[in-house]
C-alpha atoms as a PDB file:
ATOM      1  CA  UNK A   1      28.821 -50.017  11.833  1.00  0.00           C
ATOM      2  CA  UNK A   2      29.776 -53.842  11.648  1.00  0.00           C
ATOM      3  CA  UNK A   3      29.770 -55.100   7.919  1.00  0.00           C
ATOM      4  CA  UNK A   4      29.810 -58.578   6.689  1.00  0.00           C
ATOM      5  CA  UNK A   5      33.654 -59.247   5.730  1.00  0.00           C
ATOM      6  CA  UNK A   6      34.270 -59.159   2.108  1.00  0.00           C
ATOM      7  CA  UNK A   7      37.108 -61.677   2.691  1.00  0.00           C
ATOM      8  CA  UNK A   8      34.188 -64.315   3.364  1.00  0.00           C
ATOM      9  CA  UNK A   9      32.458 -63.465   0.148  1.00  0.00           C
ATOM     10  CA  UNK A  10      35.119 -64.543  -2.318  1.00  0.00           C
ATOM     11  CA  UNK A  11      33.631 -66.699  -5.160  1.00  0.00           C
ATOM     12  CA  UNK A  12      29.781 -66.281  -3.929  1.00  0.00           C
ATOM     13  CA  UNK A  13      27.297 -64.581  -6.373  1.00  0.00           C
ATOM     14  CA  UNK A  14      26.047 -61.093  -5.941  1.00  0.00           C
ATOM     15  CA  UNK A  15      22.645 -62.337  -4.467  1.00  0.00           C
ATOM     16  CA  UNK A  16      24.537 -64.455  -1.929  1.00  0.00           C
ATOM     17  CA  UNK A  17      26.648 -61.333  -1.197  1.00  0.00           C
ATOM     18  CA  UNK A  18      23.747 -59.108  -0.767  1.00  0.00           C
ATOM     19  CA  UNK A  19      21.961 -61.893   1.475  1.00  0.00           C
ATOM     20  CA  UNK A  20      25.051 -61.846   3.557  1.00  0.00           C
ATOM     21  CA  UNK A  21      25.041 -58.263   4.344  1.00  0.00           C
ATOM     22  CA  UNK A  22      21.428 -57.908   4.761  1.00  0.00           C
ATOM     23  CA  UNK A  23      21.267 -60.882   7.120  1.00  0.00           C
ATOM     24  CA  UNK A  24      23.958 -59.307   9.200  1.00  0.00           C
ATOM     25  CA  UNK A  25      21.765 -55.969   9.468  1.00  0.00           C
ATOM     26  CA  UNK A  26      18.494 -57.928  10.292  1.00  0.00           C
ATOM     27  CA  UNK A  27      20.176 -60.171  13.117  1.00  0.00           C
ATOM     28  CA  UNK A  28      21.960 -57.147  14.388  1.00  0.00           C
ATOM     29  CA  UNK A  29      18.755 -55.451  14.658  1.00  0.00           C
ATOM     30  CA  UNK A  30      19.894 -52.547  12.145  1.00  0.00           C
ATOM     31  CA  UNK A  31      16.825 -53.649  10.228  1.00  0.00           C
ATOM     32  CA  UNK A  32      14.177 -54.088  12.642  1.00  0.00           C
ATOM     33  CA  UNK A  33      11.118 -56.463  12.811  1.00  0.00           C
ATOM     34  CA  UNK A  34       8.094 -55.071  10.890  1.00  0.00           C
ATOM     35  CA  UNK A  35      10.342 -52.777   8.741  1.00  0.00           C
ATOM     36  CA  UNK A  36       9.474 -53.049   4.835  1.00  0.00           C
ATOM     37  CA  UNK A  37      12.357 -53.461   2.472  1.00  0.00           C
ATOM     38  CA  UNK A  38      11.811 -52.672  -1.167  1.00  0.00           C
ATOM     39  CA  UNK A  39      13.881 -54.501  -4.129  1.00  0.00           C
ATOM     40  CA  UNK A  40      14.332 -51.134  -5.645  1.00  0.00           C
ATOM     41  CA  UNK A  41      15.906 -49.667  -2.484  1.00  0.00           C
ATOM     42  CA  UNK A  42      18.133 -52.629  -2.148  1.00  0.00           C
ATOM     43  CA  UNK A  43      19.272 -52.623  -5.604  1.00  0.00           C
ATOM     44  CA  UNK A  44      20.119 -48.807  -5.391  1.00  0.00           C
ATOM     45  CA  UNK A  45      21.958 -49.515  -2.175  1.00  0.00           C
ATOM     46  CA  UNK A  46      24.038 -52.090  -3.686  1.00  0.00           C
ATOM     47  CA  UNK A  47      24.322 -50.470  -6.904  1.00  0.00           C
ATOM     48  CA  UNK A  48      23.000 -53.613  -8.832  1.00  0.00           C
ATOM     49  CA  UNK A  49      19.921 -54.932 -10.817  1.00  0.00           C
ATOM     50  CA  UNK A  50      16.928 -56.444  -9.186  1.00  0.00           C
ATOM     51  CA  UNK A  51      17.595 -59.994 -10.161  1.00  0.00           C
ATOM     52  CA  UNK A  52      20.391 -60.664  -7.560  1.00  0.00           C
ATOM     53  CA  UNK A  53      18.088 -58.787  -4.970  1.00  0.00           C
ATOM     54  CA  UNK A  54      15.183 -61.146  -5.488  1.00  0.00           C
ATOM     55  CA  UNK A  55      17.765 -64.084  -4.966  1.00  0.00           C
ATOM     56  CA  UNK A  56      18.916 -62.771  -1.776  1.00  0.00           C
ATOM     57  CA  UNK A  57      15.400 -62.124  -0.558  1.00  0.00           C
ATOM     58  CA  UNK A  58      14.403 -65.595  -1.488  1.00  0.00           C
ATOM     59  CA  UNK A  59      17.525 -66.886   0.469  1.00  0.00           C
ATOM     60  CA  UNK A  60      16.551 -64.919   3.559  1.00  0.00           C
ATOM     61  CA  UNK A  61      12.894 -65.898   3.471  1.00  0.00           C
ATOM     62  CA  UNK A  62      13.864 -69.555   3.275  1.00  0.00           C
ATOM     63  CA  UNK A  63      15.912 -68.895   6.446  1.00  0.00           C
ATOM     64  CA  UNK A  64      12.708 -67.418   8.125  1.00  0.00           C
ATOM     65  CA  UNK A  65      14.318 -63.865   8.483  1.00  0.00           C
ATOM     66  CA  UNK A  66      11.830 -62.060   6.062  1.00  0.00           C
ATOM     67  CA  UNK A  67       8.481 -62.351   4.704  1.00  0.00           C
ATOM     68  CA  UNK A  68       8.163 -61.934   0.982  1.00  0.00           C
ATOM     69  CA  UNK A  69       5.755 -59.332  -0.236  1.00  0.00           C
ATOM     70  CA  UNK A  70       5.041 -57.889  -3.827  1.00  0.00           C
ATOM     71  CA  UNK A  71       8.240 -56.016  -4.824  1.00  0.00           C
ATOM     72  CA  UNK A  72      10.040 -56.554  -1.504  1.00  0.00           C
ATOM     73  CA  UNK A  73       9.743 -57.878   1.871  1.00  0.00           C
ATOM     74  CA  UNK A  74       8.789 -57.457   5.677  1.00  0.00           C
ATOM     75  CA  UNK A  75      11.476 -58.020   8.133  1.00  0.00           C
ATOM     76  CA  UNK A  76      10.711 -60.819  10.774  1.00  0.00           C
ATOM     77  CA  UNK A  77      14.162 -60.809  12.606  1.00  0.00           C
ATOM     78  CA  UNK A  78      15.251 -63.334  14.798  1.00  0.00           C
ATOM     79  CA  UNK A  79      13.306 -63.580  18.101  1.00  0.00           C
ATOM     80  CA  UNK A  80      14.882 -64.675  21.240  1.00  0.00           C
ATOM     81  CA  UNK A  81      12.711 -68.014  20.881  1.00  0.00           C
ATOM     82  CA  UNK A  82      14.341 -68.292  17.377  1.00  0.00           C
ATOM     83  CA  UNK A  83      17.887 -67.914  18.861  1.00  0.00           C
ATOM     84  CA  UNK A  84      17.255 -70.528  21.439  1.00  0.00           C
ATOM     85  CA  UNK A  85      16.087 -72.844  18.834  1.00  0.00           C
ATOM     86  CA  UNK A  86      19.117 -72.120  16.773  1.00  0.00           C
ATOM     87  CA  UNK A  87      21.255 -73.088  19.280  1.00  0.00           C
ATOM     88  CA  UNK A  88      19.399 -76.277  20.217  1.00  0.00           C
ATOM     89  CA  UNK A  89      19.997 -77.530  16.750  1.00  0.00           C
ATOM     90  CA  UNK A  90      23.557 -76.589  16.715  1.00  0.00           C
ATOM     91  CA  UNK A  91      23.866 -78.413  20.093  1.00  0.00           C
ATOM     92  CA  UNK A  92      21.910 -81.628  18.369  1.00  0.00           C
ATOM     93  CA  UNK A  93      24.411 -81.350  15.473  1.00  0.00           C
ATOM     94  CA  UNK A  94      27.572 -80.858  17.246  1.00  0.00           C
ATOM     95  CA  UNK A  95      26.933 -83.194  20.319  1.00  0.00           C
ATOM     96  CA  UNK A  96      26.159 -85.992  17.681  1.00  0.00           C
ATOM     97  CA  UNK A  97      29.413 -84.952  15.821  1.00  0.00           C
ATOM     98  CA  UNK A  98      31.413 -85.110  18.732  1.00  0.00           C
ATOM     99  CA  UNK A  99      30.230 -88.427  19.987  1.00  0.00           C
ATOM    100  CA  UNK A 100      31.197 -89.960  16.511  1.00  0.00           C
ATOM    101  CA  UNK A 101      34.800 -89.132  17.582  1.00  0.00           C
ATOM    102  CA  UNK A 102      34.552 -91.027  20.493  1.00  0.00           C
ATOM    103  CA  UNK A 103      33.841 -94.095  18.252  1.00  0.00           C
ATOM    104  CA  UNK A 104      36.511 -93.230  15.527  1.00  0.00           C
ATOM    105  CA  UNK A 105      38.895 -90.396  16.572  1.00  0.00           C
ATOM    106  CA  UNK A 106      40.888 -88.783  14.035  1.00  0.00           C
ATOM    107  CA  UNK A 107      44.360 -87.512  14.776  1.00  0.00           C
ATOM    108  CA  UNK A 108      44.334 -85.398  11.704  1.00  0.00           C
ATOM    109  CA  UNK A 109      41.217 -83.491  13.102  1.00  0.00           C
ATOM    110  CA  UNK A 110      42.810 -82.967  16.396  1.00  0.00           C
ATOM    111  CA  UNK A 111      45.628 -81.377  14.680  1.00  0.00           C
ATOM    112  CA  UNK A 112      43.465 -79.212  12.567  1.00  0.00           C
ATOM    113  CA  UNK A 113      41.521 -78.032  15.567  1.00  0.00           C
ATOM    114  CA  UNK A 114      44.720 -77.148  17.523  1.00  0.00           C
ATOM    115  CA  UNK A 115      45.849 -75.097  14.305  1.00  0.00           C
ATOM    116  CA  UNK A 116      42.629 -73.082  14.466  1.00  0.00           C
ATOM    117  CA  UNK A 117      42.997 -72.356  18.213  1.00  0.00           C
ATOM    118  CA  UNK A 118      46.464 -71.031  17.370  1.00  0.00           C
ATOM    119  CA  UNK A 119      44.819 -68.864  14.862  1.00  0.00           C
ATOM    120  CA  UNK A 120      42.114 -67.608  17.453  1.00  0.00           C
ATOM    121  CA  UNK A 121      45.294 -66.752  19.701  1.00  0.00           C
ATOM    122  CA  UNK A 122      46.917 -64.800  16.988  1.00  0.00           C
ATOM    123  CA  UNK A 123      43.635 -62.949  16.216  1.00  0.00           C
ATOM    124  CA  UNK A 124      43.633 -61.808  19.997  1.00  0.00           C
ATOM    125  CA  UNK A 125      47.183 -60.525  19.656  1.00  0.00           C
ATOM    126  CA  UNK A 126      46.251 -58.542  16.556  1.00  0.00           C
ATOM    127  CA  UNK A 127      42.644 -57.656  17.745  1.00  0.00           C
ATOM    128  CA  UNK A 128      41.272 -59.072  14.653  1.00  0.00           C
ATOM    129  CA  UNK A 129      37.624 -59.554  15.227  1.00  0.00           C
ATOM    130  CA  UNK A 130      37.035 -61.273  11.713  1.00  0.00           C
ATOM    131  CA  UNK A 131      39.985 -63.552  11.805  1.00  0.00           C
ATOM    132  CA  UNK A 132      38.927 -64.815  15.381  1.00  0.00           C
ATOM    133  CA  UNK A 133      35.259 -65.420  14.369  1.00  0.00           C
ATOM    134  CA  UNK A 134      36.091 -67.209  11.331  1.00  0.00           C
ATOM    135  CA  UNK A 135      38.572 -69.550  12.978  1.00  0.00           C
ATOM    136  CA  UNK A 136      35.998 -70.196  15.696  1.00  0.00           C
ATOM    137  CA  UNK A 137      33.339 -71.040  13.180  1.00  0.00           C
ATOM    138  CA  UNK A 138      35.796 -73.194  11.193  1.00  0.00           C
ATOM    139  CA  UNK A 139      36.541 -75.044  14.406  1.00  0.00           C
ATOM    140  CA  UNK A 140      32.943 -76.302  14.896  1.00  0.00           C
ATOM    141  CA  UNK A 141      32.383 -76.774  11.157  1.00  0.00           C
ATOM    142  CA  UNK A 142      35.516 -79.175  11.020  1.00  0.00           C
ATOM    143  CA  UNK A 143      33.975 -81.182  13.857  1.00  0.00           C
ATOM    144  CA  UNK A 144      30.911 -81.273  12.097  1.00  0.00           C
ATOM    145  CA  UNK A 145      32.331 -82.470   8.670  1.00  0.00           C
ATOM    146  CA  UNK A 146      34.500 -85.059  10.195  1.00  0.00           C
ATOM    147  CA  UNK A 147      31.176 -86.871  11.404  1.00  0.00           C
ATOM    148  CA  UNK A 148      30.659 -87.879   7.574  1.00  0.00           C
ATOM    149  CA  UNK A 149      26.947 -87.964   8.035  1.00  0.00           C
ATOM    150  CA  UNK A 150      24.908 -86.669   5.095  1.00  0.00           C
ATOM    151  CA  UNK A 151      21.675 -85.822   6.883  1.00  0.00           C
ATOM    152  CA  UNK A 152      23.610 -84.165   9.584  1.00  0.00           C
ATOM    153  CA  UNK A 153      25.617 -82.142   7.049  1.00  0.00           C
ATOM    154  CA  UNK A 154      22.280 -81.257   5.437  1.00  0.00           C
ATOM    155  CA  UNK A 155      20.751 -79.871   8.660  1.00  0.00           C
ATOM    156  CA  UNK A 156      23.968 -77.872   9.378  1.00  0.00           C
ATOM    157  CA  UNK A 157      23.937 -76.311   5.939  1.00  0.00           C
ATOM    158  CA  UNK A 158      20.526 -75.019   6.670  1.00  0.00           C
ATOM    159  CA  UNK A 159      21.582 -73.033   9.655  1.00  0.00           C
ATOM    160  CA  UNK A 160      25.156 -72.558   8.478  1.00  0.00           C
ATOM    161  CA  UNK A 161      25.134 -68.815   7.269  1.00  0.00           C
ATOM    162  CA  UNK A 162      22.943 -67.855  10.227  1.00  0.00           C
ATOM    163  CA  UNK A 163      25.378 -69.389  12.784  1.00  0.00           C
ATOM    164  CA  UNK A 164      28.342 -67.577  10.877  1.00  0.00           C
ATOM    165  CA  UNK A 165      26.568 -64.471  11.119  1.00  0.00           C
ATOM    166  CA  UNK A 166      25.623 -64.638  14.652  1.00  0.00           C
ATOM    167  CA  UNK A 167      29.307 -65.522  15.597  1.00  0.00           C
ATOM    168  CA  UNK A 168      30.659 -62.594  13.862  1.00  0.00           C
ATOM    169  CA  UNK A 169      28.246 -60.253  16.104  1.00  0.00           C
ATOM    170  CA  UNK A 170      28.962 -62.385  19.485  1.00  0.00           C
ATOM    171  CA  UNK A 171      32.817 -62.185  18.788  1.00  0.00           C
ATOM    172  CA  UNK A 172      32.392 -58.320  18.448  1.00  0.00           C
ATOM    173  CA  UNK A 173      30.646 -58.290  21.950  1.00  0.00           C
ATOM    174  CA  UNK A 174      33.178 -60.788  23.357  1.00  0.00           C
ATOM    175  CA  UNK A 175      36.332 -58.431  21.957  1.00  0.00           C
ATOM    176  CA  UNK A 176      34.614 -55.588  23.726  1.00  0.00           C
ATOM    177  CA  UNK A 177      35.039 -57.372  27.186  1.00  0.00           C
ATOM    178  CA  UNK A 178      38.682 -57.511  26.988  1.00  0.00           C
ATOM    179  CA  UNK A 179      41.551 -60.005  26.810  1.00  0.00           C
ATOM    180  CA  UNK A 180      40.383 -62.318  29.810  1.00  0.00           C
ATOM    181  CA  UNK A 181      37.210 -62.870  28.216  1.00  0.00           C
ATOM    182  CA  UNK A 182      38.719 -64.129  24.892  1.00  0.00           C
ATOM    183  CA  UNK A 183      41.208 -66.293  27.190  1.00  0.00           C
ATOM    184  CA  UNK A 184      38.019 -68.007  28.478  1.00  0.00           C
ATOM    185  CA  UNK A 185      36.654 -68.464  24.972  1.00  0.00           C
ATOM    186  CA  UNK A 186      39.897 -70.133  23.712  1.00  0.00           C
ATOM    187  CA  UNK A 187      40.278 -72.367  26.791  1.00  0.00           C
ATOM    188  CA  UNK A 188      36.591 -73.709  26.292  1.00  0.00           C
ATOM    189  CA  UNK A 189      37.911 -74.640  22.707  1.00  0.00           C
ATOM    190  CA  UNK A 190      40.712 -76.319  24.233  1.00  0.00           C
ATOM    191  CA  UNK A 191      38.642 -78.301  26.498  1.00  0.00           C
ATOM    192  CA  UNK A 192      36.542 -79.479  23.476  1.00  0.00           C
ATOM    193  CA  UNK A 193      39.912 -80.940  21.981  1.00  0.00           C
ATOM    194  CA  UNK A 194      40.848 -82.626  25.193  1.00  0.00           C
ATOM    195  CA  UNK A 195      37.277 -84.006  25.413  1.00  0.00           C
ATOM    196  CA  UNK A 196      37.868 -85.455  21.903  1.00  0.00           C
ATOM    197  CA  UNK A 197      41.410 -86.709  22.651  1.00  0.00           C
ATOM    198  CA  UNK A 198      39.889 -88.760  25.626  1.00  0.00           C
ATOM    199  CA  UNK A 199      37.751 -90.786  23.110  1.00  0.00           C
ATOM    200  CA  UNK A 200      35.437 -90.994  26.311  1.00  0.00           C
ATOM    201  CA  UNK A 201      31.686 -90.643  25.353  1.00  0.00           C
ATOM    202  CA  UNK A 202      30.653 -89.289  28.871  1.00  0.00           C
ATOM    203  CA  UNK A 203      33.773 -86.751  28.877  1.00  0.00           C
ATOM    204  CA  UNK A 204      32.722 -85.408  25.565  1.00  0.00           C
ATOM    205  CA  UNK A 205      29.128 -85.083  26.368  1.00  0.00           C
ATOM    206  CA  UNK A 206      30.016 -83.223  29.605  1.00  0.00           C
ATOM    207  CA  UNK A 207      32.208 -80.931  27.797  1.00  0.00           C
ATOM    208  CA  UNK A 208      29.936 -80.108  24.924  1.00  0.00           C
ATOM    209  CA  UNK A 209      26.965 -79.467  27.459  1.00  0.00           C
ATOM    210  CA  UNK A 210      28.930 -76.868  29.171  1.00  0.00           C
ATOM    211  CA  UNK A 211      30.181 -75.207  26.063  1.00  0.00           C
ATOM    212  CA  UNK A 212      26.490 -74.778  24.748  1.00  0.00           C
ATOM    213  CA  UNK A 213      25.452 -73.507  28.301  1.00  0.00           C
ATOM    214  CA  UNK A 214      28.246 -70.746  28.297  1.00  0.00           C
ATOM    215  CA  UNK A 215      27.538 -69.824  24.543  1.00  0.00           C
ATOM    216  CA  UNK A 216      23.841 -69.189  25.182  1.00  0.00           C
ATOM    217  CA  UNK A 217      24.756 -66.785  27.812  1.00  0.00           C
ATOM    218  CA  UNK A 218      27.049 -64.716  25.639  1.00  0.00           C
ATOM    219  CA  UNK A 219      24.535 -65.103  22.815  1.00  0.00           C
ATOM    220  CA  UNK A 220      21.736 -63.272  24.950  1.00  0.00           C
ATOM    221  CA  UNK A 221      24.177 -60.877  25.865  1.00  0.00           C
ATOM    222  CA  UNK A 222      25.320 -59.925  22.259  1.00  0.00           C
ATOM    223  CA  UNK A 223      21.910 -59.924  20.571  1.00  0.00           C
ATOM    224  CA  UNK A 224      19.238 -57.193  20.627  1.00  0.00           C
END
């Protein structure tokens, strides 16, 4: 069973840690839509008091994954439409952020992105799903942060944890398809870097459209 990586939880509160594990179980479908989860049960499962459980449930409610009830919650889950909308928002954010690079390209960013691609290749070599997915996530986040746009960053933060969790699940699926599929994913990231290096708005737009068209297909094959 896939668990939320403990390495990704360093420095976060107990409530955030519980939210991360529950979020994964909900998006993966281990906790199914309509299922009732109680504060007491979660507190017992995680060996904690009810206070951090309440914090976790509030976070998941704000993300639209559960509906709060007295002393617990009902799982809403992520529907196919929710997933489509999530990727529509990602596309808007990332296409905007990449277009900013056409105007003011950063060699430092290009270097950072190439390092993350190297890390992805290393993760393939060692069969490390966790490292691969986090490097993939960091690649996209680096481009978004480089846009230096407060409102875009605010939008990104509102979906960040769901995107990270979805990436972990889709990476597990991609690894199950073998090295050829992983090579294709890495090549797609190289294409993004080449697009950014061109500093050509039309080239960048074409690359980002192709990237998200492919990613949506992978997504639908990975989620329940």
